[in-house]
Amino acid sequence: MLLLIEIVQILMNVLVMIIIVQFIIGLLIMFNVVSMSNQAVSTIYSSLNMLLDPILNPIRKIMPDTGAIDFSPLVLIIGLNILQRVLISVATQTM
């Protein structure tokens, strides 16, 4: 059971890293540091969006519209952290 929870935690940490990378690339694009005309940037950003949009879209539907700032990645990261803590709590109580 503990091994399974550790594997889930690793996967959650990888997901958080992907969210952070997508956020940083999005900021770099928004502030014209990198351009979407760059093939590598475009490919990486669109791939990350394809991975994360199915997870983030339900959160975006629930959250109010805040204009240019998208808080759904932050909500997802907080939710994943809460889920990790719950899993750790459950794992320690069963031992």
PDB file of N, CA and C in Angstrom:
ATOM      1  N   MET A   1       0.819  -1.197   0.000  1.00  0.00           N
ATOM      2  CA  MET A   1       0.000   0.000   0.000  1.00  0.00           C
ATOM      3  C   MET A   1       0.861   1.259   0.000  1.00  0.00           C
ATOM      4  N   LEU A   2       1.908   1.250   0.811  1.00  0.00           N
ATOM      5  CA  LEU A   2       2.789   2.407   0.895  1.00  0.00           C
ATOM      6  C   LEU A   2       3.500   2.661  -0.432  1.00  0.00           C
ATOM      7  N   LEU A   3       3.888   1.603  -1.119  1.00  0.00           N
ATOM      8  CA  LEU A   3       4.544   1.745  -2.418  1.00  0.00           C
ATOM      9  C   LEU A   3       3.609   2.381  -3.430  1.00  0.00           C
ATOM     10  N   LEU A   4       2.366   1.988  -3.423  1.00  0.00           N
ATOM     11  CA  LEU A   4       1.375   2.553  -4.342  1.00  0.00           C
ATOM     12  C   LEU A   4       1.176   4.044  -4.077  1.00  0.00           C
ATOM     13  N   ILE A   5       1.129   4.416  -2.825  1.00  0.00           N
ATOM     14  CA  ILE A   5       0.960   5.829  -2.479  1.00  0.00           C
ATOM     15  C   ILE A   5       2.190   6.625  -2.899  1.00  0.00           C
ATOM     16  N   GLU A   6       3.375   6.057  -2.750  1.00  0.00           N
ATOM     17  CA  GLU A   6       4.594   6.743  -3.188  1.00  0.00           C
ATOM     18  C   GLU A   6       4.606   6.935  -4.694  1.00  0.00           C
ATOM     19  N   ILE A   7       4.144   5.953  -5.440  1.00  0.00           N
ATOM     20  CA  ILE A   7       4.076   6.072  -6.899  1.00  0.00           C
ATOM     21  C   ILE A   7       3.092   7.171  -7.293  1.00  0.00           C
ATOM     22  N   VAL A   8       1.943   7.223  -6.628  1.00  0.00           N
ATOM     23  CA  VAL A   8       0.956   8.263  -6.906  1.00  0.00           C
ATOM     24  C   VAL A   8       1.534   9.637  -6.573  1.00  0.00           C
ATOM     25  N   GLN A   9       2.286   9.745  -5.492  1.00  0.00           N
ATOM     26  CA  GLN A   9       2.909  11.017  -5.131  1.00  0.00           C
ATOM     27  C   GLN A   9       3.923  11.455  -6.185  1.00  0.00           C
ATOM     28  N   ILE A  10       4.702  10.537  -6.697  1.00  0.00           N
ATOM     29  CA  ILE A  10       5.671  10.867  -7.744  1.00  0.00           C
ATOM     30  C   ILE A  10       4.951  11.373  -8.980  1.00  0.00           C
ATOM     31  N   LEU A  11       3.866  10.709  -9.364  1.00  0.00           N
ATOM     32  CA  LEU A  11       3.101  11.141 -10.529  1.00  0.00           C
ATOM     33  C   LEU A  11       2.483  12.524 -10.304  1.00  0.00           C
ATOM     34  N   MET A  12       2.017  12.786  -9.094  1.00  0.00           N
ATOM     35  CA  MET A  12       1.472  14.107  -8.777  1.00  0.00           C
ATOM     36  C   MET A  12       2.561  15.176  -8.858  1.00  0.00           C
ATOM     37  N   ASN A  13       3.750  14.862  -8.378  1.00  0.00           N
ATOM     38  CA  ASN A  13       4.863  15.812  -8.448  1.00  0.00           C
ATOM     39  C   ASN A  13       5.252  16.104  -9.891  1.00  0.00           C
ATOM     40  N   VAL A  14       5.237  15.085 -10.739  1.00  0.00           N
ATOM     41  CA  VAL A  14       5.528  15.287 -12.159  1.00  0.00           C
ATOM     42  C   VAL A  14       4.470  16.187 -12.781  1.00  0.00           C
ATOM     43  N   LEU A  15       3.210  15.973 -12.429  1.00  0.00           N
ATOM     44  CA  LEU A  15       2.124  16.804 -12.948  1.00  0.00           C
ATOM     45  C   LEU A  15       2.290  18.259 -12.509  1.00  0.00           C
ATOM     46  N   VAL A  16       2.681  18.478 -11.280  1.00  0.00           N
ATOM     47  CA  VAL A  16       2.913  19.841 -10.794  1.00  0.00           C
ATOM     48  C   VAL A  16       4.049  20.487 -11.574  1.00  0.00           C
ATOM     49  N   MET A  17       5.105  19.743 -11.850  1.00  0.00           N
ATOM     50  CA  MET A  17       6.220  20.285 -12.646  1.00  0.00           C
ATOM     51  C   MET A  17       5.758  20.662 -14.053  1.00  0.00           C
ATOM     52  N   ILE A  18       4.936  19.827 -14.651  1.00  0.00           N
ATOM     53  CA  ILE A  18       4.420  20.123 -15.995  1.00  0.00           C
ATOM     54  C   ILE A  18       3.566  21.393 -15.957  1.00  0.00           C
ATOM     55  N   ILE A  19       2.763  21.548 -14.928  1.00  0.00           N
ATOM     56  CA  ILE A  19       1.935  22.751 -14.785  1.00  0.00           C
ATOM     57  C   ILE A  19       2.814  23.992 -14.667  1.00  0.00           C
ATOM     58  N   ILE A  20       3.872  23.903 -13.881  1.00  0.00           N
ATOM     59  CA  ILE A  20       4.771  25.044 -13.694  1.00  0.00           C
ATOM     60  C   ILE A  20       5.481  25.390 -14.992  1.00  0.00           C
ATOM     61  N   VAL A  21       5.936  24.385 -15.725  1.00  0.00           N
ATOM     62  CA  VAL A  21       6.612  24.635 -17.001  1.00  0.00           C
ATOM     63  C   VAL A  21       5.649  25.298 -17.984  1.00  0.00           C
ATOM     64  N   GLN A  22       4.405  24.809 -18.050  1.00  0.00           N
ATOM     65  CA  GLN A  22       3.417  25.415 -18.946  1.00  0.00           C
ATOM     66  C   GLN A  22       3.164  26.865 -18.559  1.00  0.00           C
ATOM     67  N   PHE A  23       3.070  27.134 -17.264  1.00  0.00           N
ATOM     68  CA  PHE A  23       2.837  28.494 -16.791  1.00  0.00           C
ATOM     69  C   PHE A  23       3.993  29.416 -17.171  1.00  0.00           C
ATOM     70  N   ILE A  24       5.216  28.953 -16.981  1.00  0.00           N
ATOM     71  CA  ILE A  24       6.387  29.775 -17.293  1.00  0.00           C
ATOM     72  C   ILE A  24       6.471  30.046 -18.788  1.00  0.00           C
ATOM     73  N   ILE A  25       6.250  29.029 -19.604  1.00  0.00           N
ATOM     74  CA  ILE A  25       6.287  29.234 -21.056  1.00  0.00           C
ATOM     75  C   ILE A  25       5.176  30.200 -21.472  1.00  0.00           C
ATOM     76  N   GLY A  26       3.996  30.062 -20.860  1.00  0.00           N
ATOM     77  CA  GLY A  26       2.904  30.986 -21.158  1.00  0.00           C
ATOM     78  C   GLY A  26       3.263  32.427 -20.816  1.00  0.00           C
ATOM     79  N   LEU A  27       3.938  32.636 -19.689  1.00  0.00           N
ATOM     80  CA  LEU A  27       4.385  33.983 -19.328  1.00  0.00           C
ATOM     81  C   LEU A  27       5.424  34.508 -20.312  1.00  0.00           C
ATOM     82  N   LEU A  28       6.349  33.645 -20.703  1.00  0.00           N
ATOM     83  CA  LEU A  28       7.373  34.067 -21.659  1.00  0.00           C
ATOM     84  C   LEU A  28       6.756  34.456 -23.003  1.00  0.00           C
ATOM     85  N   ILE A  29       5.723  33.731 -23.401  1.00  0.00           N
ATOM     86  CA  ILE A  29       5.031  34.065 -24.645  1.00  0.00           C
ATOM     87  C   ILE A  29       4.259  35.372 -24.480  1.00  0.00           C
ATOM     88  N   MET A  30       3.577  35.543 -23.356  1.00  0.00           N
ATOM     89  CA  MET A  30       2.767  36.735 -23.121  1.00  0.00           C
ATOM     90  C   MET A  30       3.621  38.000 -23.083  1.00  0.00           C
ATOM     91  N   PHE A  31       4.829  37.913 -22.522  1.00  0.00           N
ATOM     92  CA  PHE A  31       5.703  39.080 -22.431  1.00  0.00           C
ATOM     93  C   PHE A  31       6.680  39.175 -23.598  1.00  0.00           C
ATOM     94  N   ASN A  32       6.427  38.418 -24.657  1.00  0.00           N
ATOM     95  CA  ASN A  32       7.216  38.445 -25.895  1.00  0.00           C
ATOM     96  C   ASN A  32       8.696  38.154 -25.685  1.00  0.00           C
ATOM     97  N   VAL A  33       9.019  37.311 -24.733  1.00  0.00           N
ATOM     98  CA  VAL A  33      10.393  36.865 -24.550  1.00  0.00           C
ATOM     99  C   VAL A  33      10.693  35.778 -25.570  1.00  0.00           C
ATOM    100  N   VAL A  34       9.711  34.898 -25.776  1.00  0.00           N
ATOM    101  CA  VAL A  34       9.797  33.899 -26.841  1.00  0.00           C
ATOM    102  C   VAL A  34       8.564  34.065 -27.720  1.00  0.00           C
ATOM    103  N   SER A  35       8.676  33.563 -28.932  1.00  0.00           N
ATOM    104  CA  SER A  35       7.596  33.741 -29.887  1.00  0.00           C
ATOM    105  C   SER A  35       6.992  32.399 -30.263  1.00  0.00           C
ATOM    106  N   MET A  36       5.689  32.405 -30.503  1.00  0.00           N
ATOM    107  CA  MET A  36       5.024  31.188 -30.949  1.00  0.00           C
ATOM    108  C   MET A  36       5.421  30.828 -32.377  1.00  0.00           C
ATOM    109  N   SER A  37       6.082  31.752 -33.083  1.00  0.00           N
ATOM    110  CA  SER A  37       6.561  31.423 -34.422  1.00  0.00           C
ATOM    111  C   SER A  37       7.783  30.505 -34.356  1.00  0.00           C
ATOM    112  N   ASN A  38       8.406  30.416 -33.194  1.00  0.00           N
ATOM    113  CA  ASN A  38       9.493  29.470 -32.977  1.00  0.00           C
ATOM    114  C   ASN A  38       8.879  28.069 -32.901  1.00  0.00           C
ATOM    115  N   GLN A  39       9.317  27.185 -33.778  1.00  0.00           N
ATOM    116  CA  GLN A  39       8.719  25.858 -33.894  1.00  0.00           C
ATOM    117  C   GLN A  39       8.851  25.051 -32.593  1.00  0.00           C
ATOM    118  N   ALA A  40       9.983  25.124 -31.935  1.00  0.00           N
ATOM    119  CA  ALA A  40      10.196  24.355 -30.707  1.00  0.00           C
ATOM    120  C   ALA A  40       9.266  24.845 -29.595  1.00  0.00           C
ATOM    121  N   VAL A  41       9.175  26.150 -29.427  1.00  0.00           N
ATOM    122  CA  VAL A  41       8.310  26.718 -28.399  1.00  0.00           C
ATOM    123  C   VAL A  41       6.858  26.367 -28.687  1.00  0.00           C
ATOM    124  N   SER A  42       6.469  26.504 -29.928  1.00  0.00           N
ATOM    125  CA  SER A  42       5.091  26.201 -30.312  1.00  0.00           C
ATOM    126  C   SER A  42       4.746  24.737 -30.050  1.00  0.00           C
ATOM    127  N   THR A  43       5.653  23.841 -30.393  1.00  0.00           N
ATOM    128  CA  THR A  43       5.412  22.410 -30.196  1.00  0.00           C
ATOM    129  C   THR A  43       5.326  22.062 -28.719  1.00  0.00           C
ATOM    130  N   ILE A  44       6.262  22.569 -27.933  1.00  0.00           N
ATOM    131  CA  ILE A  44       6.272  22.271 -26.497  1.00  0.00           C
ATOM    132  C   ILE A  44       5.025  22.829 -25.824  1.00  0.00           C
ATOM    133  N   TYR A  45       4.683  24.070 -26.125  1.00  0.00           N
ATOM    134  CA  TYR A  45       3.534  24.707 -25.479  1.00  0.00           C
ATOM    135  C   TYR A  45       2.224  24.031 -25.873  1.00  0.00           C
ATOM    136  N   SER A  46       2.075  23.706 -27.138  1.00  0.00           N
ATOM    137  CA  SER A  46       0.832  23.044 -27.554  1.00  0.00           C
ATOM    138  C   SER A  46       0.747  21.627 -26.991  1.00  0.00           C
ATOM    139  N   SER A  47       1.872  20.945 -26.860  1.00  0.00           N
ATOM    140  CA  SER A  47       1.865  19.608 -26.256  1.00  0.00           C
ATOM    141  C   SER A  47       1.476  19.668 -24.784  1.00  0.00           C
ATOM    142  N   LEU A  48       2.031  20.626 -24.075  1.00  0.00           N
ATOM    143  CA  LEU A  48       1.673  20.794 -22.664  1.00  0.00           C
ATOM    144  C   LEU A  48       0.200  21.149 -22.506  1.00  0.00           C
ATOM    145  N   ASN A  49      -0.303  22.001 -23.396  1.00  0.00           N
ATOM    146  CA  ASN A  49      -1.721  22.355 -23.343  1.00  0.00           C
ATOM    147  C   ASN A  49      -2.604  21.140 -23.613  1.00  0.00           C
ATOM    148  N   MET A  50      -2.200  20.295 -24.560  1.00  0.00           N
ATOM    149  CA  MET A  50      -2.988  19.090 -24.845  1.00  0.00           C
ATOM    150  C   MET A  50      -2.997  18.145 -23.653  1.00  0.00           C
ATOM    151  N   LEU A  51      -1.900  18.092 -22.905  1.00  0.00           N
ATOM    152  CA  LEU A  51      -1.851  17.248 -21.713  1.00  0.00           C
ATOM    153  C   LEU A  51      -2.690  17.810 -20.568  1.00  0.00           C
ATOM    154  N   LEU A  52      -2.637  19.110 -20.374  1.00  0.00           N
ATOM    155  CA  LEU A  52      -3.242  19.712 -19.187  1.00  0.00           C
ATOM    156  C   LEU A  52      -4.671  20.205 -19.389  1.00  0.00           C
ATOM    157  N   ASP A  53      -5.076  20.512 -20.610  1.00  0.00           N
ATOM    158  CA  ASP A  53      -6.418  21.051 -20.827  1.00  0.00           C
ATOM    159  C   ASP A  53      -7.534  20.131 -20.346  1.00  0.00           C
ATOM    160  N   PRO A  54      -7.442  18.809 -20.537  1.00  0.00           N
ATOM    161  CA  PRO A  54      -8.526  17.965 -20.000  1.00  0.00           C
ATOM    162  C   PRO A  54      -8.651  18.028 -18.475  1.00  0.00           C
ATOM    163  N   ILE A  55      -7.562  18.342 -17.797  1.00  0.00           N
ATOM    164  CA  ILE A  55      -7.601  18.450 -16.339  1.00  0.00           C
ATOM    165  C   ILE A  55      -8.018  19.855 -15.912  1.00  0.00           C
ATOM    166  N   LEU A  56      -7.545  20.869 -16.632  1.00  0.00           N
ATOM    167  CA  LEU A  56      -7.791  22.249 -16.232  1.00  0.00           C
ATOM    168  C   LEU A  56      -9.155  22.783 -16.675  1.00  0.00           C
ATOM    169  N   ASN A  57      -9.707  22.289 -17.781  1.00  0.00           N
ATOM    170  CA  ASN A  57     -10.975  22.820 -18.287  1.00  0.00           C
ATOM    171  C   ASN A  57     -12.134  22.686 -17.298  1.00  0.00           C
ATOM    172  N   PRO A  58     -12.294  21.543 -16.610  1.00  0.00           N
ATOM    173  CA  PRO A  58     -13.378  21.500 -15.610  1.00  0.00           C
ATOM    174  C   PRO A  58     -13.200  22.518 -14.479  1.00  0.00           C
ATOM    175  N   ILE A  59     -11.960  22.780 -14.107  1.00  0.00           N
ATOM    176  CA  ILE A  59     -11.693  23.784 -13.074  1.00  0.00           C
ATOM    177  C   ILE A  59     -12.028  25.172 -13.608  1.00  0.00           C
ATOM    178  N   ARG A  60     -11.674  25.432 -14.872  1.00  0.00           N
ATOM    179  CA  ARG A  60     -11.966  26.730 -15.485  1.00  0.00           C
ATOM    180  C   ARG A  60     -13.463  26.985 -15.582  1.00  0.00           C
ATOM    181  N   LYS A  61     -14.252  25.935 -15.796  1.00  0.00           N
ATOM    182  CA  LYS A  61     -15.702  26.101 -15.887  1.00  0.00           C
ATOM    183  C   LYS A  61     -16.304  26.492 -14.546  1.00  0.00           C
ATOM    184  N   ILE A  62     -15.729  25.995 -13.459  1.00  0.00           N
ATOM    185  CA  ILE A  62     -16.248  26.281 -12.119  1.00  0.00           C
ATOM    186  C   ILE A  62     -15.831  27.672 -11.642  1.00  0.00           C
ATOM    187  N   MET A  63     -14.603  28.070 -11.973  1.00  0.00           N
ATOM    188  CA  MET A  63     -14.056  29.324 -11.455  1.00  0.00           C
ATOM    189  C   MET A  63     -14.651  30.526 -12.179  1.00  0.00           C
ATOM    190  N   PRO A  64     -14.753  31.661 -11.479  1.00  0.00           N
ATOM    191  CA  PRO A  64     -15.238  32.882 -12.143  1.00  0.00           C
ATOM    192  C   PRO A  64     -14.191  33.414 -13.129  1.00  0.00           C
ATOM    193  N   ASP A  65     -14.642  34.151 -14.110  1.00  0.00           N
ATOM    194  CA  ASP A  65     -13.743  34.730 -15.105  1.00  0.00           C
ATOM    195  C   ASP A  65     -12.951  35.872 -14.472  1.00  0.00           C
ATOM    196  N   THR A  66     -11.626  35.757 -14.533  1.00  0.00           N
ATOM    197  CA  THR A  66     -10.771  36.779 -13.928  1.00  0.00           C
ATOM    198  C   THR A  66     -10.016  37.581 -14.983  1.00  0.00           C
ATOM    199  N   GLY A  67     -10.417  37.468 -16.210  1.00  0.00           N
ATOM    200  CA  GLY A  67      -9.763  38.226 -17.269  1.00  0.00           C
ATOM    201  C   GLY A  67      -8.566  37.475 -17.825  1.00  0.00           C
ATOM    202  N   ALA A  68      -7.444  38.152 -17.867  1.00  0.00           N
ATOM    203  CA  ALA A  68      -6.255  37.581 -18.493  1.00  0.00           C
ATOM    204  C   ALA A  68      -5.535  36.575 -17.603  1.00  0.00           C
ATOM    205  N   ILE A  69      -5.819  36.590 -16.303  1.00  0.00           N
ATOM    206  CA  ILE A  69      -5.111  35.703 -15.381  1.00  0.00           C
ATOM    207  C   ILE A  69      -5.912  34.423 -15.192  1.00  0.00           C
ATOM    208  N   ASP A  70      -5.257  33.296 -15.418  1.00  0.00           N
ATOM    209  CA  ASP A  70      -5.899  31.991 -15.263  1.00  0.00           C
ATOM    210  C   ASP A  70      -5.404  31.364 -13.961  1.00  0.00           C
ATOM    211  N   PHE A  71      -6.305  31.240 -13.002  1.00  0.00           N
ATOM    212  CA  PHE A  71      -5.943  30.692 -11.706  1.00  0.00           C
ATOM    213  C   PHE A  71      -6.154  29.179 -11.616  1.00  0.00           C
ATOM    214  N   SER A  72      -6.630  28.551 -12.686  1.00  0.00           N
ATOM    215  CA  SER A  72      -6.908  27.114 -12.636  1.00  0.00           C
ATOM    216  C   SER A  72      -5.653  26.274 -12.371  1.00  0.00           C
ATOM    217  N   PRO A  73      -4.464  26.622 -12.897  1.00  0.00           N
ATOM    218  CA  PRO A  73      -3.279  25.834 -12.532  1.00  0.00           C
ATOM    219  C   PRO A  73      -2.974  25.896 -11.035  1.00  0.00           C
ATOM    220  N   LEU A  74      -3.160  27.064 -10.443  1.00  0.00           N
ATOM    221  CA  LEU A  74      -2.926  27.213  -9.010  1.00  0.00           C
ATOM    222  C   LEU A  74      -3.915  26.375  -8.206  1.00  0.00           C
ATOM    223  N   VAL A  75      -5.177  26.382  -8.623  1.00  0.00           N
ATOM    224  CA  VAL A  75      -6.191  25.586  -7.939  1.00  0.00           C
ATOM    225  C   VAL A  75      -5.862  24.101  -8.059  1.00  0.00           C
ATOM    226  N   LEU A  76      -5.398  23.680  -9.230  1.00  0.00           N
ATOM    227  CA  LEU A  76      -5.031  22.268  -9.427  1.00  0.00           C
ATOM    228  C   LEU A  76      -3.846  21.881  -8.541  1.00  0.00           C
ATOM    229  N   ILE A  77      -2.846  22.729  -8.453  1.00  0.00           N
ATOM    230  CA  ILE A  77      -1.678  22.431  -7.619  1.00  0.00           C
ATOM    231  C   ILE A  77      -2.096  22.336  -6.146  1.00  0.00           C
ATOM    232  N   ILE A  78      -2.935  23.256  -5.698  1.00  0.00           N
ATOM    233  CA  ILE A  78      -3.409  23.203  -4.311  1.00  0.00           C
ATOM    234  C   ILE A  78      -4.216  21.931  -4.076  1.00  0.00           C
ATOM    235  N   GLY A  79      -5.076  21.578  -5.026  1.00  0.00           N
ATOM    236  CA  GLY A  79      -5.858  20.351  -4.907  1.00  0.00           C
ATOM    237  C   GLY A  79      -4.988  19.111  -4.858  1.00  0.00           C
ATOM    238  N   LEU A  80      -3.939  19.080  -5.682  1.00  0.00           N
ATOM    239  CA  LEU A  80      -3.024  17.936  -5.662  1.00  0.00           C
ATOM    240  C   LEU A  80      -2.278  17.843  -4.340  1.00  0.00           C
ATOM    241  N   ASN A  81      -1.885  18.994  -3.786  1.00  0.00           N
ATOM    242  CA  ASN A  81      -1.210  18.986  -2.481  1.00  0.00           C
ATOM    243  C   ASN A  81      -2.135  18.488  -1.375  1.00  0.00           C
ATOM    244  N   ILE A  82      -3.385  18.896  -1.422  1.00  0.00           N
ATOM    245  CA  ILE A  82      -4.355  18.402  -0.433  1.00  0.00           C
ATOM    246  C   ILE A  82      -4.531  16.900  -0.578  1.00  0.00           C
ATOM    247  N   LEU A  83      -4.653  16.435  -1.809  1.00  0.00           N
ATOM    248  CA  LEU A  83      -4.805  14.998  -2.056  1.00  0.00           C
ATOM    249  C   LEU A  83      -3.593  14.207  -1.560  1.00  0.00           C
ATOM    250  N   GLN A  84      -2.392  14.749  -1.763  1.00  0.00           N
ATOM    251  CA  GLN A  84      -1.185  14.083  -1.255  1.00  0.00           C
ATOM    252  C   GLN A  84      -1.227  13.962   0.262  1.00  0.00           C
ATOM    253  N   ARG A  85      -1.622  15.023   0.925  1.00  0.00           N
ATOM    254  CA  ARG A  85      -1.676  14.992   2.397  1.00  0.00           C
ATOM    255  C   ARG A  85      -2.723  14.004   2.896  1.00  0.00           C
ATOM    256  N   VAL A  86      -3.856  13.915   2.198  1.00  0.00           N
ATOM    257  CA  VAL A  86      -4.881  12.952   2.574  1.00  0.00           C
ATOM    258  C   VAL A  86      -4.359  11.535   2.396  1.00  0.00           C
ATOM    259  N   LEU A  87      -3.671  11.277   1.271  1.00  0.00           N
ATOM    260  CA  LEU A  87      -3.116   9.945   1.039  1.00  0.00           C
ATOM    261  C   LEU A  87      -2.090   9.560   2.102  1.00  0.00           C
ATOM    262  N   ILE A  88      -1.252  10.506   2.470  1.00  0.00           N
ATOM    263  CA  ILE A  88      -0.255  10.237   3.514  1.00  0.00           C
ATOM    264  C   ILE A  88      -0.948   9.955   4.832  1.00  0.00           C
ATOM    265  N   SER A  89      -1.972  10.707   5.144  1.00  0.00           N
ATOM    266  CA  SER A  89      -2.717  10.500   6.392  1.00  0.00           C
ATOM    267  C   SER A  89      -3.374   9.130   6.419  1.00  0.00           C
ATOM    268  N   VAL A  90      -3.985   8.742   5.306  1.00  0.00           N
ATOM    269  CA  VAL A  90      -4.628   7.420   5.218  1.00  0.00           C
ATOM    270  C   VAL A  90      -3.592   6.313   5.345  1.00  0.00           C
ATOM    271  N   ALA A  91      -2.448   6.503   4.714  1.00  0.00           N
ATOM    272  CA  ALA A  91      -1.404   5.472   4.748  1.00  0.00           C
ATOM    273  C   ALA A  91      -0.845   5.300   6.152  1.00  0.00           C
ATOM    274  N   THR A  92      -0.673   6.392   6.872  1.00  0.00           N
ATOM    275  CA  THR A  92      -0.114   6.285   8.226  1.00  0.00           C
ATOM    276  C   THR A  92      -1.139   5.731   9.214  1.00  0.00           C
ATOM    277  N   GLN A  93      -2.419   5.938   8.969  1.00  0.00           N
ATOM    278  CA  GLN A  93      -3.438   5.415   9.879  1.00  0.00           C
ATOM    279  C   GLN A  93      -3.645   3.922   9.711  1.00  0.00           C
ATOM    280  N   THR A  94      -3.393   3.404   8.509  1.00  0.00           N
ATOM    281  CA  THR A  94      -3.595   1.969   8.280  1.00  0.00           C
ATOM    282  C   THR A  94      -2.423   1.141   8.767  1.00  0.00           C
ATOM    283  N   MET A  95      -1.328   1.786   9.109  1.00  0.00           N
ATOM    284  CA  MET A  95      -0.150   1.033   9.542  1.00  0.00           C
ATOM    285  C   MET A  95      -0.186   0.798  10.992  1.00  0.00           C
TER     286      MET A  95
END
